[in-house]
PDB file of N, CA and C in Angstrom:
ATOM      1  N   MET A   1      20.259 -22.996  29.554  1.00  0.00           N
ATOM      2  CA  MET A   1      20.713 -23.262  30.899  1.00  0.00           C
ATOM      3  C   MET A   1      22.170 -23.729  30.856  1.00  0.00           C
ATOM      4  N   LYS A   2      22.822 -23.638  32.014  1.00  0.00           N
ATOM      5  CA  LYS A   2      24.202 -24.093  32.070  1.00  0.00           C
ATOM      6  C   LYS A   2      24.364 -25.163  33.136  1.00  0.00           C
ATOM      7  N   LYS A   3      25.518 -25.799  33.113  1.00  0.00           N
ATOM      8  CA  LYS A   3      25.814 -26.877  34.048  1.00  0.00           C
ATOM      9  C   LYS A   3      26.549 -26.321  35.260  1.00  0.00           C
ATOM     10  N   LEU A   4      26.441 -27.009  36.379  1.00  0.00           N
ATOM     11  CA  LEU A   4      27.132 -26.599  37.596  1.00  0.00           C
ATOM     12  C   LEU A   4      28.639 -26.563  37.373  1.00  0.00           C
ATOM     13  N   SER A   5      29.153 -27.429  36.532  1.00  0.00           N
ATOM     14  CA  SER A   5      30.594 -27.463  36.261  1.00  0.00           C
ATOM     15  C   SER A   5      31.067 -26.216  35.519  1.00  0.00           C
ATOM     16  N   GLU A   6      30.154 -25.439  34.929  1.00  0.00           N
ATOM     17  CA  GLU A   6      30.496 -24.235  34.170  1.00  0.00           C
ATOM     18  C   GLU A   6      30.374 -22.950  34.995  1.00  0.00           C
ATOM     19  N   VAL A   7      29.878 -23.042  36.221  1.00  0.00           N
ATOM     20  CA  VAL A   7      29.700 -21.865  37.067  1.00  0.00           C
ATOM     21  C   VAL A   7      31.069 -21.346  37.509  1.00  0.00           C
ATOM     22  N   LYS A   8      31.252 -20.042  37.433  1.00  0.00           N
ATOM     23  CA  LYS A   8      32.529 -19.430  37.799  1.00  0.00           C
ATOM     24  C   LYS A   8      32.745 -19.465  39.313  1.00  0.00           C
ATOM     25  N   ILE A   9      34.019 -19.528  39.707  1.00  0.00           N
ATOM     26  CA  ILE A   9      34.387 -19.536  41.114  1.00  0.00           C
ATOM     27  C   ILE A   9      33.906 -18.227  41.759  1.00  0.00           C
ATOM     28  N   GLY A  10      33.299 -18.324  42.929  1.00  0.00           N
ATOM     29  CA  GLY A  10      32.787 -17.152  43.623  1.00  0.00           C
ATOM     30  C   GLY A  10      31.360 -16.794  43.249  1.00  0.00           C
ATOM     31  N   SER A  11      30.720 -17.608  42.428  1.00  0.00           N
ATOM     32  CA  SER A  11      29.347 -17.335  41.999  1.00  0.00           C
ATOM     33  C   SER A  11      28.365 -18.282  42.677  1.00  0.00           C
ATOM     34  N   THR A  12      27.112 -17.860  42.692  1.00  0.00           N
ATOM     35  CA  THR A  12      26.043 -18.680  43.249  1.00  0.00           C
ATOM     36  C   THR A  12      25.110 -19.091  42.125  1.00  0.00           C
ATOM     37  N   ALA A  13      24.631 -20.329  42.185  1.00  0.00           N
ATOM     38  CA  ALA A  13      23.706 -20.838  41.175  1.00  0.00           C
ATOM     39  C   ALA A  13      22.581 -21.590  41.868  1.00  0.00           C
ATOM     40  N   LYS A  14      21.440 -21.679  41.190  1.00  0.00           N
ATOM     41  CA  LYS A  14      20.280 -22.377  41.729  1.00  0.00           C
ATOM     42  C   LYS A  14      20.007 -23.613  40.879  1.00  0.00           C
ATOM     43  N   VAL A  15      19.830 -24.760  41.519  1.00  0.00           N
ATOM     44  CA  VAL A  15      19.609 -26.021  40.804  1.00  0.00           C
ATOM     45  C   VAL A  15      18.242 -26.019  40.141  1.00  0.00           C
ATOM     46  N   VAL A  16      18.240 -26.354  38.846  1.00  0.00           N
ATOM     47  CA  VAL A  16      17.001 -26.428  38.085  1.00  0.00           C
ATOM     48  C   VAL A  16      16.611 -27.887  37.860  1.00  0.00           C
ATOM     49  N   LYS A  17      17.597 -28.731  37.498  1.00  0.00           N
ATOM     50  CA  LYS A  17      17.307 -30.120  37.178  1.00  0.00           C
ATOM     51  C   LYS A  17      18.564 -30.962  37.352  1.00  0.00           C
ATOM     52  N   ILE A  18      18.375 -32.212  37.752  1.00  0.00           N
ATOM     53  CA  ILE A  18      19.478 -33.162  37.850  1.00  0.00           C
ATOM     54  C   ILE A  18      19.280 -34.204  36.755  1.00  0.00           C
ATOM     55  N   HIS A  19      20.237 -34.272  35.836  1.00  0.00           N
ATOM     56  CA  HIS A  19      20.176 -35.251  34.750  1.00  0.00           C
ATOM     57  C   HIS A  19      20.807 -36.551  35.223  1.00  0.00           C
ATOM     58  N   GLY A  20      20.614 -37.586  34.452  1.00  0.00           N
ATOM     59  CA  GLY A  20      21.183 -38.876  34.819  1.00  0.00           C
ATOM     60  C   GLY A  20      20.118 -39.746  35.465  1.00  0.00           C
ATOM     61  N   ALA A  21      20.526 -40.964  35.787  1.00  0.00           N
ATOM     62  CA  ALA A  21      19.569 -41.903  36.366  1.00  0.00           C
ATOM     63  C   ALA A  21      20.287 -42.839  37.317  1.00  0.00           C
ATOM     64  N   GLY A  22      19.487 -43.555  38.068  1.00  0.00           N
ATOM     65  CA  GLY A  22      20.023 -44.590  38.927  1.00  0.00           C
ATOM     66  C   GLY A  22      20.849 -44.085  40.089  1.00  0.00           C
ATOM     67  N   ALA A  23      21.956 -44.779  40.333  1.00  0.00           N
ATOM     68  CA  ALA A  23      22.788 -44.537  41.503  1.00  0.00           C
ATOM     69  C   ALA A  23      23.395 -43.133  41.524  1.00  0.00           C
ATOM     70  N   LEU A  24      23.824 -42.622  40.382  1.00  0.00           N
ATOM     71  CA  LEU A  24      24.429 -41.285  40.338  1.00  0.00           C
ATOM     72  C   LEU A  24      23.422 -40.223  40.766  1.00  0.00           C
ATOM     73  N   ARG A  25      22.242 -40.258  40.207  1.00  0.00           N
ATOM     74  CA  ARG A  25      21.203 -39.283  40.552  1.00  0.00           C
ATOM     75  C   ARG A  25      20.841 -39.380  42.037  1.00  0.00           C
ATOM     76  N   ARG A  26      20.684 -40.590  42.541  1.00  0.00           N
ATOM     77  CA  ARG A  26      20.330 -40.805  43.938  1.00  0.00           C
ATOM     78  C   ARG A  26      21.427 -40.284  44.869  1.00  0.00           C
ATOM     79  N   ARG A  27      22.699 -40.531  44.507  1.00  0.00           N
ATOM     80  CA  ARG A  27      23.829 -40.086  45.328  1.00  0.00           C
ATOM     81  C   ARG A  27      23.882 -38.567  45.389  1.00  0.00           C
ATOM     82  N   ILE A  28      23.671 -37.905  44.249  1.00  0.00           N
ATOM     83  CA  ILE A  28      23.679 -36.441  44.206  1.00  0.00           C
ATOM     84  C   ILE A  28      22.555 -35.884  45.082  1.00  0.00           C
ATOM     85  N   MET A  29      21.384 -36.473  44.993  1.00  0.00           N
ATOM     86  CA  MET A  29      20.254 -36.003  45.795  1.00  0.00           C
ATOM     87  C   MET A  29      20.479 -36.278  47.283  1.00  0.00           C
ATOM     88  N   ASP A  30      21.123 -37.380  47.616  1.00  0.00           N
ATOM     89  CA  ASP A  30      21.423 -37.700  49.015  1.00  0.00           C
ATOM     90  C   ASP A  30      22.406 -36.703  49.619  1.00  0.00           C
ATOM     91  N   MET A  31      23.226 -36.063  48.788  1.00  0.00           N
ATOM     92  CA  MET A  31      24.172 -35.058  49.267  1.00  0.00           C
ATOM     93  C   MET A  31      23.497 -33.715  49.524  1.00  0.00           C
ATOM     94  N   GLY A  32      22.211 -33.609  49.222  1.00  0.00           N
ATOM     95  CA  GLY A  32      21.479 -32.372  49.479  1.00  0.00           C
ATOM     96  C   GLY A  32      21.289 -31.499  48.257  1.00  0.00           C
ATOM     97  N   ILE A  33      21.721 -31.978  47.113  1.00  0.00           N
ATOM     98  CA  ILE A  33      21.555 -31.203  45.880  1.00  0.00           C
ATOM     99  C   ILE A  33      20.220 -31.602  45.262  1.00  0.00           C
ATOM    100  N   THR A  34      19.218 -30.759  45.472  1.00  0.00           N
ATOM    101  CA  THR A  34      17.886 -31.001  44.935  1.00  0.00           C
ATOM    102  C   THR A  34      17.417 -29.742  44.207  1.00  0.00           C
ATOM    103  N   LYS A  35      16.318 -29.871  43.480  1.00  0.00           N
ATOM    104  CA  LYS A  35      15.772 -28.745  42.729  1.00  0.00           C
ATOM    105  C   LYS A  35      15.510 -27.572  43.668  1.00  0.00           C
ATOM    106  N   GLY A  36      15.989 -26.379  43.280  1.00  0.00           N
ATOM    107  CA  GLY A  36      15.774 -25.174  44.059  1.00  0.00           C
ATOM    108  C   GLY A  36      16.892 -24.847  45.040  1.00  0.00           C
ATOM    109  N   THR A  37      17.832 -25.753  45.241  1.00  0.00           N
ATOM    110  CA  THR A  37      18.935 -25.524  46.175  1.00  0.00           C
ATOM    111  C   THR A  37      19.905 -24.494  45.601  1.00  0.00           C
ATOM    112  N   GLU A  38      20.312 -23.529  46.425  1.00  0.00           N
ATOM    113  CA  GLU A  38      21.309 -22.551  46.005  1.00  0.00           C
ATOM    114  C   GLU A  38      22.693 -23.062  46.374  1.00  0.00           C
ATOM    115  N   ILE A  39      23.607 -23.002  45.412  1.00  0.00           N
ATOM    116  CA  ILE A  39      24.963 -23.514  45.597  1.00  0.00           C
ATOM    117  C   ILE A  39      25.956 -22.397  45.325  1.00  0.00           C
ATOM    118  N   PHE A  40      26.867 -22.173  46.267  1.00  0.00           N
ATOM    119  CA  PHE A  40      27.938 -21.196  46.110  1.00  0.00           C
ATOM    120  C   PHE A  40      29.220 -21.965  45.786  1.00  0.00           C
ATOM    121  N   VAL A  41      29.796 -21.707  44.620  1.00  0.00           N
ATOM    122  CA  VAL A  41      31.028 -22.385  44.208  1.00  0.00           C
ATOM    123  C   VAL A  41      32.194 -21.622  44.812  1.00  0.00           C
ATOM    124  N   ARG A  42      32.878 -22.244  45.790  1.00  0.00           N
ATOM    125  CA  ARG A  42      33.938 -21.581  46.548  1.00  0.00           C
ATOM    126  C   ARG A  42      35.279 -21.589  45.835  1.00  0.00           C
ATOM    127  N   LYS A  43      35.720 -22.764  45.430  1.00  0.00           N
ATOM    128  CA  LYS A  43      37.039 -22.860  44.788  1.00  0.00           C
ATOM    129  C   LYS A  43      37.169 -24.189  44.072  1.00  0.00           C
ATOM    130  N   THR A  44      38.291 -24.337  43.388  1.00  0.00           N
ATOM    131  CA  THR A  44      38.586 -25.570  42.682  1.00  0.00           C
ATOM    132  C   THR A  44      39.974 -26.053  43.086  1.00  0.00           C
ATOM    133  N   ALA A  45      40.220 -27.311  42.930  1.00  0.00           N
ATOM    134  CA  ALA A  45      41.533 -27.866  43.240  1.00  0.00           C
ATOM    135  C   ALA A  45      42.550 -27.323  42.234  1.00  0.00           C
ATOM    136  N   PRO A  46      43.841 -27.387  42.548  1.00  0.00           N
ATOM    137  CA  PRO A  46      44.868 -26.827  41.660  1.00  0.00           C
ATOM    138  C   PRO A  46      44.811 -27.326  40.209  1.00  0.00           C
ATOM    139  N   LEU A  47      44.426 -28.557  39.989  1.00  0.00           N
ATOM    140  CA  LEU A  47      44.354 -29.075  38.619  1.00  0.00           C
ATOM    141  C   LEU A  47      42.965 -28.938  38.005  1.00  0.00           C
ATOM    142  N   GLY A  48      42.047 -28.246  38.712  1.00  0.00           N
ATOM    143  CA  GLY A  48      40.730 -27.970  38.162  1.00  0.00           C
ATOM    144  C   GLY A  48      39.642 -28.959  38.540  1.00  0.00           C
ATOM    145  N   ASP A  49      39.991 -30.024  39.217  1.00  0.00           N
ATOM    146  CA  ASP A  49      39.002 -31.018  39.599  1.00  0.00           C
ATOM    147  C   ASP A  49      39.384 -31.581  40.951  1.00  0.00           C
ATOM    148  N   PRO A  50      38.572 -31.611  41.939  1.00  0.00           N
ATOM    149  CA  PRO A  50      37.138 -31.343  42.010  1.00  0.00           C
ATOM    150  C   PRO A  50      36.815 -29.891  42.362  1.00  0.00           C
ATOM    151  N   LEU A  51      35.517 -29.613  42.437  1.00  0.00           N
ATOM    152  CA  LEU A  51      35.010 -28.295  42.827  1.00  0.00           C
ATOM    153  C   LEU A  51      34.607 -28.337  44.298  1.00  0.00           C
ATOM    154  N   GLU A  52      34.864 -27.249  45.008  1.00  0.00           N
ATOM    155  CA  GLU A  52      34.402 -27.147  46.400  1.00  0.00           C
ATOM    156  C   GLU A  52      33.290 -26.119  46.430  1.00  0.00           C
ATOM    157  N   MET A  53      32.168 -26.509  47.043  1.00  0.00           N
ATOM    158  CA  MET A  53      31.009 -25.625  47.074  1.00  0.00           C
ATOM    159  C   MET A  53      30.364 -25.636  48.447  1.00  0.00           C
ATOM    160  N   THR A  54      29.550 -24.625  48.691  1.00  0.00           N
ATOM    161  CA  THR A  54      28.808 -24.518  49.941  1.00  0.00           C
ATOM    162  C   THR A  54      27.320 -24.548  49.613  1.00  0.00           C
ATOM    163  N   LEU A  55      26.586 -25.411  50.310  1.00  0.00           N
ATOM    164  CA  LEU A  55      25.149 -25.485  50.140  1.00  0.00           C
ATOM    165  C   LEU A  55      24.516 -25.980  51.432  1.00  0.00           C
ATOM    166  N   ARG A  56      23.340 -25.482  51.740  1.00  0.00           N
ATOM    167  CA  ARG A  56      22.579 -25.901  52.925  1.00  0.00           C
ATOM    168  C   ARG A  56      23.405 -25.846  54.214  1.00  0.00           C
ATOM    169  N   GLY A  57      24.356 -24.915  54.294  1.00  0.00           N
ATOM    170  CA  GLY A  57      25.123 -24.735  55.508  1.00  0.00           C
ATOM    171  C   GLY A  57      26.323 -25.650  55.681  1.00  0.00           C
ATOM    172  N   TYR A  58      26.696 -26.390  54.654  1.00  0.00           N
ATOM    173  CA  TYR A  58      27.884 -27.232  54.753  1.00  0.00           C
ATOM    174  C   TYR A  58      28.688 -27.177  53.461  1.00  0.00           C
ATOM    175  N   GLU A  59      29.927 -27.646  53.527  1.00  0.00           N
ATOM    176  CA  GLU A  59      30.809 -27.651  52.362  1.00  0.00           C
ATOM    177  C   GLU A  59      30.790 -29.016  51.709  1.00  0.00           C
ATOM    178  N   LEU A  60      30.828 -29.018  50.395  1.00  0.00           N
ATOM    179  CA  LEU A  60      30.775 -30.254  49.623  1.00  0.00           C
ATOM    180  C   LEU A  60      31.805 -30.186  48.510  1.00  0.00           C
ATOM    181  N   THR A  61      32.479 -31.287  48.271  1.00  0.00           N
ATOM    182  CA  THR A  61      33.419 -31.383  47.162  1.00  0.00           C
ATOM    183  C   THR A  61      32.823 -32.353  46.154  1.00  0.00           C
ATOM    184  N   LEU A  62      32.792 -31.941  44.888  1.00  0.00           N
ATOM    185  CA  LEU A  62      32.152 -32.736  43.844  1.00  0.00           C
ATOM    186  C   LEU A  62      33.012 -32.732  42.591  1.00  0.00           C
ATOM    187  N   ARG A  63      33.147 -33.886  41.970  1.00  0.00           N
ATOM    188  CA  ARG A  63      33.923 -33.976  40.726  1.00  0.00           C
ATOM    189  C   ARG A  63      33.221 -33.201  39.613  1.00  0.00           C
ATOM    190  N   ARG A  64      33.996 -32.637  38.711  1.00  0.00           N
ATOM    191  CA  ARG A  64      33.411 -31.891  37.582  1.00  0.00           C
ATOM    192  C   ARG A  64      32.505 -32.788  36.740  1.00  0.00           C
ATOM    193  N   GLU A  65      32.885 -34.029  36.594  1.00  0.00           N
ATOM    194  CA  GLU A  65      32.088 -34.976  35.815  1.00  0.00           C
ATOM    195  C   GLU A  65      30.679 -35.112  36.395  1.00  0.00           C
ATOM    196  N   ASP A  66      30.577 -35.182  37.731  1.00  0.00           N
ATOM    197  CA  ASP A  66      29.273 -35.273  38.383  1.00  0.00           C
ATOM    198  C   ASP A  66      28.543 -33.935  38.337  1.00  0.00           C
ATOM    199  N   ALA A  67      29.287 -32.834  38.487  1.00  0.00           N
ATOM    200  CA  ALA A  67      28.695 -31.491  38.446  1.00  0.00           C
ATOM    201  C   ALA A  67      28.115 -31.187  37.068  1.00  0.00           C
ATOM    202  N   ALA A  68      28.637 -31.836  36.033  1.00  0.00           N
ATOM    203  CA  ALA A  68      28.142 -31.605  34.675  1.00  0.00           C
ATOM    204  C   ALA A  68      26.723 -32.156  34.487  1.00  0.00           C
ATOM    205  N   SER A  69      26.278 -33.025  35.378  1.00  0.00           N
ATOM    206  CA  SER A  69      24.924 -33.587  35.240  1.00  0.00           C
ATOM    207  C   SER A  69      23.881 -32.754  35.995  1.00  0.00           C
ATOM    208  N   ILE A  70      24.314 -31.619  36.570  1.00  0.00           N
ATOM    209  CA  ILE A  70      23.402 -30.757  37.320  1.00  0.00           C
ATOM    210  C   ILE A  70      23.183 -29.460  36.544  1.00  0.00           C
ATOM    211  N   GLU A  71      21.938 -29.215  36.163  1.00  0.00           N
ATOM    212  CA  GLU A  71      21.581 -28.012  35.400  1.00  0.00           C
ATOM    213  C   GLU A  71      21.216 -26.905  36.373  1.00  0.00           C
ATOM    214  N   VAL A  72      21.808 -25.706  36.168  1.00  0.00           N
ATOM    215  CA  VAL A  72      21.568 -24.566  37.064  1.00  0.00           C
ATOM    216  C   VAL A  72      21.171 -23.328  36.272  1.00  0.00           C
ATOM    217  N   GLU A  73      20.686 -22.333  37.005  1.00  0.00           N
ATOM    218  CA  GLU A  73      20.370 -21.037  36.376  1.00  0.00           C
ATOM    219  C   GLU A  73      21.090 -19.939  37.115  1.00  0.00           C
TER     220      GLU A  73
END
């Protein structure tokens, strides 16, 4: 499996598992990123961080460090 931070721009991925614990995991899930959610990676900032993605009908910006804790297929 690969991490959300490794998904190429313009690609769609499906969440398989969220790694981590505590506040980080809860915050990611509160943003709507849960198992089975499809995420379209739209673009990245000029320096490569953060990532802008579309999921559940809205746009979300997430740091690569946080995206690395999300396993996708």
